[in-house]
Amino acid sequence: MSRDDTATGDTPTSYPRKPQILGRQRVAQSRLFQIESLDLRFSNGEERQFERLTGADRGAVMIIAMPDPEHVLLIREYAAGFEDYVLTLPKGLVDPGEDIITAANRELMEECGFGAHRIEPLVELSLAPNYMRHRMQVLMATDLYPKRLPGDEPEPLIVETHAIEELPALLLREDFHEARAIAALYIARDKLREEKRRGEMDLI
């Protein structure tokens, strides 16, 4: 298989073997993160050193909570990485002993003040996989009911309701730019559109 085969989108028949890990070393450690260096030897004999950010590997959830079939709940929270407030979806880590459904419902109660009678997994997303192995489970929550649990946020979160069909307008805002939230909302919107189309076809 040539490089051109991959570039044109053809399905590859084989892939190179994964690099051999020659060694790994902790470079730095903080309360939340660990930086690890990996010495790798690739299948063609080339050797490189990569660095990656690791954490507790507990898993994480992001919730698309819909109070009705047309709207979604977004939260405004302080993002230390940007030193500013951003608009995003409710999310959080999976606590020990929780499955992703339980974790999603708990985070929804803590951050938005709602629980959900129905929660279904939608997609798994990663972020900067060259530098971290963090994975986010995206779930859709419907049939909401008022329920608030105390969370660990330093201040109350502002909850906003937006029409899921108005994603292009949201993208024009300076405070809405988290890639995982954008991808999750587009995937959810397309899923809802397809379900609506199928429902209309069944009526014909």
C-alpha atoms as a PDB file:
ATOM      1  CA  MET A   1       0.000   0.000   0.000  1.00  0.00           C
ATOM      2  CA  SER A   2       1.349   3.431  -0.922  1.00  0.00           C
ATOM      3  CA  ARG A   3       0.926   6.695   0.898  1.00  0.00           C
ATOM      4  CA  ASP A   4      -1.295   7.806  -1.975  1.00  0.00           C
ATOM      5  CA  ASP A   5      -3.730   4.976  -1.176  1.00  0.00           C
ATOM      6  CA  THR A   6      -4.248   6.404   2.308  1.00  0.00           C
ATOM      7  CA  ALA A   7      -4.503   9.988   1.081  1.00  0.00           C
ATOM      8  CA  THR A   8      -7.279   9.116  -1.381  1.00  0.00           C
ATOM      9  CA  GLY A   9      -9.360   7.495   1.328  1.00  0.00           C
ATOM     10  CA  ASP A  10      -8.950   3.886   0.158  1.00  0.00           C
ATOM     11  CA  THR A  11      -9.349   1.299   2.908  1.00  0.00           C
ATOM     12  CA  PRO A  12      -5.854   0.120   3.875  1.00  0.00           C
ATOM     13  CA  THR A  13      -5.245  -3.623   3.835  1.00  0.00           C
ATOM     14  CA  SER A  14      -2.542  -3.478   6.516  1.00  0.00           C
ATOM     15  CA  TYR A  15      -0.980  -1.090   8.966  1.00  0.00           C
ATOM     16  CA  PRO A  16       2.559  -0.871  10.372  1.00  0.00           C
ATOM     17  CA  ARG A  17       3.155  -2.623  13.659  1.00  0.00           C
ATOM     18  CA  LYS A  18       2.738  -0.440  16.708  1.00  0.00           C
ATOM     19  CA  PRO A  19       6.015   1.088  17.962  1.00  0.00           C
ATOM     20  CA  GLN A  20       7.932  -0.827  20.605  1.00  0.00           C
ATOM     21  CA  ILE A  21       8.114   0.985  23.944  1.00  0.00           C
ATOM     22  CA  LEU A  22      11.777   0.945  24.941  1.00  0.00           C
ATOM     23  CA  GLY A  23      11.299   2.881  28.137  1.00  0.00           C
ATOM     24  CA  ARG A  24       9.070   5.292  29.988  1.00  0.00           C
ATOM     25  CA  GLN A  25       9.830   7.906  32.605  1.00  0.00           C
ATOM     26  CA  ARG A  26       7.823  10.318  34.734  1.00  0.00           C
ATOM     27  CA  VAL A  27       8.924  13.838  33.824  1.00  0.00           C
ATOM     28  CA  ALA A  28       6.661  15.897  36.087  1.00  0.00           C
ATOM     29  CA  GLN A  29       3.811  15.402  38.536  1.00  0.00           C
ATOM     30  CA  SER A  30       1.111  17.743  39.838  1.00  0.00           C
ATOM     31  CA  ARG A  31      -2.040  17.293  41.897  1.00  0.00           C
ATOM     32  CA  LEU A  32      -4.057  16.435  38.780  1.00  0.00           C
ATOM     33  CA  PHE A  33      -1.630  15.543  35.991  1.00  0.00           C
ATOM     34  CA  GLN A  34       1.467  13.547  35.229  1.00  0.00           C
ATOM     35  CA  ILE A  35       3.799  14.089  32.275  1.00  0.00           C
ATOM     36  CA  GLU A  36       5.391  10.906  30.997  1.00  0.00           C
ATOM     37  CA  SER A  37       8.094  10.446  28.344  1.00  0.00           C
ATOM     38  CA  LEU A  38       8.061   7.391  26.079  1.00  0.00           C
ATOM     39  CA  ASP A  39      11.089   6.087  24.179  1.00  0.00           C
ATOM     40  CA  LEU A  40       9.733   4.406  21.047  1.00  0.00           C
ATOM     41  CA  ARG A  41      11.158   2.312  18.223  1.00  0.00           C
ATOM     42  CA  PHE A  42       8.988   2.275  15.095  1.00  0.00           C
ATOM     43  CA  SER A  43       8.610  -0.680  12.746  1.00  0.00           C
ATOM     44  CA  ASN A  44      11.022   0.926  10.261  1.00  0.00           C
ATOM     45  CA  GLY A  45      13.733   1.178  12.929  1.00  0.00           C
ATOM     46  CA  GLU A  46      13.360   4.906  13.642  1.00  0.00           C
ATOM     47  CA  GLU A  47      13.505   5.876  17.327  1.00  0.00           C
ATOM     48  CA  ARG A  48      11.815   8.888  18.881  1.00  0.00           C
ATOM     49  CA  GLN A  49      10.910  10.212  22.313  1.00  0.00           C
ATOM     50  CA  PHE A  50       7.298  11.282  22.839  1.00  0.00           C
ATOM     51  CA  GLU A  51       5.756  13.043  25.828  1.00  0.00           C
ATOM     52  CA  ARG A  52       2.194  12.613  26.958  1.00  0.00           C
ATOM     53  CA  LEU A  53      -0.111  13.928  29.668  1.00  0.00           C
ATOM     54  CA  THR A  54      -1.689  11.265  31.846  1.00  0.00           C
ATOM     55  CA  GLY A  55      -4.192  11.384  34.673  1.00  0.00           C
ATOM     56  CA  ALA A  56      -6.299   9.112  36.811  1.00  0.00           C
ATOM     57  CA  ASP A  57      -7.867   7.347  33.787  1.00  0.00           C
ATOM     58  CA  ARG A  58     -11.215   7.259  35.592  1.00  0.00           C
ATOM     59  CA  GLY A  59     -13.179   8.103  32.488  1.00  0.00           C
ATOM     60  CA  ALA A  60     -15.306  11.162  31.833  1.00  0.00           C
ATOM     61  CA  VAL A  61     -18.774  11.999  30.575  1.00  0.00           C
ATOM     62  CA  MET A  62     -20.281  14.873  28.598  1.00  0.00           C
ATOM     63  CA  ILE A  63     -24.044  15.274  28.593  1.00  0.00           C
ATOM     64  CA  ILE A  64     -26.387  16.552  25.898  1.00  0.00           C
ATOM     65  CA  ALA A  65     -29.407  17.305  28.082  1.00  0.00           C
ATOM     66  CA  MET A  66     -32.581  18.176  26.216  1.00  0.00           C
ATOM     67  CA  PRO A  67     -35.503  19.679  28.163  1.00  0.00           C
ATOM     68  CA  ASP A  68     -37.569  19.281  24.974  1.00  0.00           C
ATOM     69  CA  PRO A  69     -36.921  17.863  21.481  1.00  0.00           C
ATOM     70  CA  GLU A  70     -35.628  21.175  20.098  1.00  0.00           C
ATOM     71  CA  HIS A  71     -33.401  22.576  22.862  1.00  0.00           C
ATOM     72  CA  VAL A  72     -30.242  21.675  24.745  1.00  0.00           C
ATOM     73  CA  LEU A  73     -28.800  22.870  28.055  1.00  0.00           C
ATOM     74  CA  LEU A  74     -25.395  24.566  28.026  1.00  0.00           C
ATOM     75  CA  ILE A  75     -23.396  25.808  31.002  1.00  0.00           C
ATOM     76  CA  ARG A  76     -21.180  28.827  31.408  1.00  0.00           C
ATOM     77  CA  GLU A  77     -18.133  28.073  33.529  1.00  0.00           C
ATOM     78  CA  TYR A  78     -14.680  29.519  34.168  1.00  0.00           C
ATOM     79  CA  ALA A  79     -11.965  27.872  32.050  1.00  0.00           C
ATOM     80  CA  ALA A  80      -8.542  28.355  33.649  1.00  0.00           C
ATOM     81  CA  GLY A  81      -6.791  27.428  30.397  1.00  0.00           C
ATOM     82  CA  PHE A  82      -8.239  30.507  28.701  1.00  0.00           C
ATOM     83  CA  GLU A  83      -8.591  32.626  31.841  1.00  0.00           C
ATOM     84  CA  ASP A  84     -12.157  33.367  30.800  1.00  0.00           C
ATOM     85  CA  TYR A  85     -15.697  32.037  30.923  1.00  0.00           C
ATOM     86  CA  VAL A  86     -16.774  29.609  28.195  1.00  0.00           C
ATOM     87  CA  LEU A  87     -20.046  28.109  27.078  1.00  0.00           C
ATOM     88  CA  THR A  88     -20.007  24.327  26.912  1.00  0.00           C
ATOM     89  CA  LEU A  89     -21.871  21.135  27.749  1.00  0.00           C
ATOM     90  CA  PRO A  90     -22.083  19.773  31.308  1.00  0.00           C
ATOM     91  CA  LYS A  91     -19.359  17.203  31.927  1.00  0.00           C
ATOM     92  CA  GLY A  92     -17.226  15.589  34.598  1.00  0.00           C
ATOM     93  CA  LEU A  93     -15.228  12.575  35.749  1.00  0.00           C
ATOM     94  CA  VAL A  94     -16.696   9.160  36.474  1.00  0.00           C
ATOM     95  CA  ASP A  95     -16.432   8.523  40.208  1.00  0.00           C
ATOM     96  CA  PRO A  96     -15.194   5.155  41.545  1.00  0.00           C
ATOM     97  CA  GLY A  97     -17.997   2.589  41.452  1.00  0.00           C
ATOM     98  CA  GLU A  98     -20.068   4.516  38.894  1.00  0.00           C
ATOM     99  CA  ASP A  99     -20.988   3.498  35.381  1.00  0.00           C
ATOM    100  CA  ILE A 100     -21.244   6.200  32.715  1.00  0.00           C
ATOM    101  CA  ILE A 101     -25.050   6.428  32.985  1.00  0.00           C
ATOM    102  CA  THR A 102     -24.910   7.060  36.734  1.00  0.00           C
ATOM    103  CA  ALA A 103     -22.043   9.524  36.339  1.00  0.00           C
ATOM    104  CA  ALA A 104     -23.867  11.452  33.615  1.00  0.00           C
ATOM    105  CA  ASN A 105     -27.028  11.762  35.700  1.00  0.00           C
ATOM    106  CA  ARG A 106     -25.066  12.891  38.758  1.00  0.00           C
ATOM    107  CA  GLU A 107     -23.129  15.520  36.797  1.00  0.00           C
ATOM    108  CA  LEU A 108     -26.365  16.751  35.235  1.00  0.00           C
ATOM    109  CA  MET A 109     -27.900  17.177  38.687  1.00  0.00           C
ATOM    110  CA  GLU A 110     -24.801  18.927  40.043  1.00  0.00           C
ATOM    111  CA  GLU A 111     -24.235  21.313  37.145  1.00  0.00           C
ATOM    112  CA  CYS A 112     -27.697  21.947  35.700  1.00  0.00           C
ATOM    113  CA  GLY A 113     -30.142  21.109  38.476  1.00  0.00           C
ATOM    114  CA  PHE A 114     -31.875  18.363  36.474  1.00  0.00           C
ATOM    115  CA  GLY A 115     -31.978  14.599  36.422  1.00  0.00           C
ATOM    116  CA  ALA A 116     -32.983  12.493  33.436  1.00  0.00           C
ATOM    117  CA  HIS A 117     -35.324   9.517  33.217  1.00  0.00           C
ATOM    118  CA  ARG A 118     -33.631   8.473  29.984  1.00  0.00           C
ATOM    119  CA  ILE A 119     -29.889   8.549  29.258  1.00  0.00           C
ATOM    120  CA  GLU A 120     -28.302   6.821  26.272  1.00  0.00           C
ATOM    121  CA  PRO A 121     -24.664   6.664  25.133  1.00  0.00           C
ATOM    122  CA  LEU A 122     -24.079   8.539  21.891  1.00  0.00           C
ATOM    123  CA  VAL A 123     -20.377   8.583  20.971  1.00  0.00           C
ATOM    124  CA  GLU A 124     -16.866   8.435  22.409  1.00  0.00           C
ATOM    125  CA  LEU A 125     -14.532  11.355  21.684  1.00  0.00           C
ATOM    126  CA  SER A 126     -10.837  11.892  22.312  1.00  0.00           C
ATOM    127  CA  LEU A 127      -8.869  15.114  22.613  1.00  0.00           C
ATOM    128  CA  ALA A 128      -5.321  15.669  21.300  1.00  0.00           C
ATOM    129  CA  PRO A 129      -4.543  11.921  21.130  1.00  0.00           C
ATOM    130  CA  ASN A 130      -0.894  12.623  20.244  1.00  0.00           C
ATOM    131  CA  TYR A 131      -0.409  14.054  23.726  1.00  0.00           C
ATOM    132  CA  MET A 132      -2.994  12.431  25.984  1.00  0.00           C
ATOM    133  CA  ARG A 133      -5.186   9.325  26.188  1.00  0.00           C
ATOM    134  CA  HIS A 134      -8.200  11.086  27.631  1.00  0.00           C
ATOM    135  CA  ARG A 135     -11.533   9.781  26.328  1.00  0.00           C
ATOM    136  CA  MET A 136     -14.932  11.418  26.784  1.00  0.00           C
ATOM    137  CA  GLN A 137     -18.179   9.450  26.702  1.00  0.00           C
ATOM    138  CA  VAL A 138     -20.974  11.590  25.258  1.00  0.00           C
ATOM    139  CA  LEU A 139     -24.495  10.744  26.382  1.00  0.00           C
ATOM    140  CA  MET A 140     -27.906  12.129  25.485  1.00  0.00           C
ATOM    141  CA  ALA A 141     -30.288  12.841  28.368  1.00  0.00           C
ATOM    142  CA  THR A 142     -34.022  13.317  27.826  1.00  0.00           C
ATOM    143  CA  ASP A 143     -37.220  13.312  29.875  1.00  0.00           C
ATOM    144  CA  LEU A 144     -35.678  15.691  32.417  1.00  0.00           C
ATOM    145  CA  TYR A 145     -36.975  16.458  35.899  1.00  0.00           C
ATOM    146  CA  PRO A 146     -35.823  19.068  38.479  1.00  0.00           C
ATOM    147  CA  LYS A 147     -33.199  17.640  40.837  1.00  0.00           C
ATOM    148  CA  ARG A 148     -30.096  19.308  42.241  1.00  0.00           C
ATOM    149  CA  LEU A 149     -27.116  17.749  43.978  1.00  0.00           C
ATOM    150  CA  PRO A 150     -24.206  19.656  45.552  1.00  0.00           C
ATOM    151  CA  GLY A 151     -21.142  19.633  43.325  1.00  0.00           C
ATOM    152  CA  ASP A 152     -17.519  20.686  43.579  1.00  0.00           C
ATOM    153  CA  GLU A 153     -17.781  23.840  41.470  1.00  0.00           C
ATOM    154  CA  PRO A 154     -16.304  26.948  43.158  1.00  0.00           C
ATOM    155  CA  GLU A 155     -19.293  29.068  42.135  1.00  0.00           C
ATOM    156  CA  PRO A 156     -22.820  28.448  40.797  1.00  0.00           C
ATOM    157  CA  LEU A 157     -22.852  27.654  37.077  1.00  0.00           C
ATOM    158  CA  ILE A 158     -25.056  29.633  34.721  1.00  0.00           C
ATOM    159  CA  VAL A 159     -27.331  27.309  32.734  1.00  0.00           C
ATOM    160  CA  GLU A 160     -28.549  28.444  29.318  1.00  0.00           C
ATOM    161  CA  THR A 161     -31.049  26.875  26.919  1.00  0.00           C
ATOM    162  CA  HIS A 162     -30.263  26.940  23.195  1.00  0.00           C
ATOM    163  CA  ALA A 163     -31.966  25.545  20.119  1.00  0.00           C
ATOM    164  CA  ILE A 164     -29.946  22.630  18.779  1.00  0.00           C
ATOM    165  CA  GLU A 165     -30.686  23.750  15.207  1.00  0.00           C
ATOM    166  CA  GLU A 166     -28.929  27.069  15.898  1.00  0.00           C
ATOM    167  CA  LEU A 167     -25.406  25.600  16.061  1.00  0.00           C
ATOM    168  CA  PRO A 168     -24.074  27.855  13.261  1.00  0.00           C
ATOM    169  CA  ALA A 169     -25.074  30.906  15.315  1.00  0.00           C
ATOM    170  CA  LEU A 170     -23.414  29.455  18.421  1.00  0.00           C
ATOM    171  CA  LEU A 171     -20.170  28.994  16.499  1.00  0.00           C
ATOM    172  CA  LEU A 172     -20.063  32.729  15.816  1.00  0.00           C
ATOM    173  CA  ARG A 173     -19.810  33.429  19.549  1.00  0.00           C
ATOM    174  CA  GLU A 174     -16.385  34.043  21.042  1.00  0.00           C
ATOM    175  CA  ASP A 175     -17.212  32.008  24.161  1.00  0.00           C
ATOM    176  CA  PHE A 176     -18.296  28.817  22.373  1.00  0.00           C
ATOM    177  CA  HIS A 177     -15.310  26.943  20.979  1.00  0.00           C
ATOM    178  CA  GLU A 178     -14.727  23.664  22.824  1.00  0.00           C
ATOM    179  CA  ALA A 179     -14.183  21.085  20.060  1.00  0.00           C
ATOM    180  CA  ARG A 180     -15.688  18.158  21.971  1.00  0.00           C
ATOM    181  CA  ALA A 181     -18.894  20.059  22.724  1.00  0.00           C
ATOM    182  CA  ILE A 182     -19.192  21.233  19.117  1.00  0.00           C
ATOM    183  CA  ALA A 183     -18.659  17.725  17.738  1.00  0.00           C
ATOM    184  CA  ALA A 184     -21.082  16.205  20.252  1.00  0.00           C
ATOM    185  CA  LEU A 185     -23.824  18.698  19.405  1.00  0.00           C
ATOM    186  CA  TYR A 186     -23.496  18.177  15.657  1.00  0.00           C
ATOM    187  CA  ILE A 187     -23.609  14.397  16.114  1.00  0.00           C
ATOM    188  CA  ALA A 188     -26.694  14.723  18.325  1.00  0.00           C
ATOM    189  CA  ARG A 189     -28.365  17.118  15.895  1.00  0.00           C
ATOM    190  CA  ASP A 190     -27.819  14.732  12.972  1.00  0.00           C
ATOM    191  CA  LYS A 191     -29.117  11.807  15.039  1.00  0.00           C
ATOM    192  CA  LEU A 192     -32.288  13.739  15.884  1.00  0.00           C
ATOM    193  CA  ARG A 193     -32.753  14.760  12.257  1.00  0.00           C
ATOM    194  CA  GLU A 194     -32.452  11.148  11.119  1.00  0.00           C
ATOM    195  CA  GLU A 195     -34.923   9.961  13.758  1.00  0.00           C
ATOM    196  CA  LYS A 196     -37.362  12.663  12.664  1.00  0.00           C
ATOM    197  CA  ARG A 197     -36.943  11.706   8.998  1.00  0.00           C
ATOM    198  CA  ARG A 198     -37.592   8.055   9.761  1.00  0.00           C
ATOM    199  CA  GLY A 199     -40.663   8.962  11.770  1.00  0.00           C
ATOM    200  CA  GLU A 200     -42.031  10.986   8.874  1.00  0.00           C
ATOM    201  CA  MET A 201     -41.321   8.115   6.460  1.00  0.00           C
ATOM    202  CA  ASP A 202     -43.249   5.725   8.695  1.00  0.00           C
ATOM    203  CA  LEU A 203     -46.288   7.977   8.429  1.00  0.00           C
ATOM    204  CA  ILE A 204     -46.282   7.896   4.638  1.00  0.00           C
END
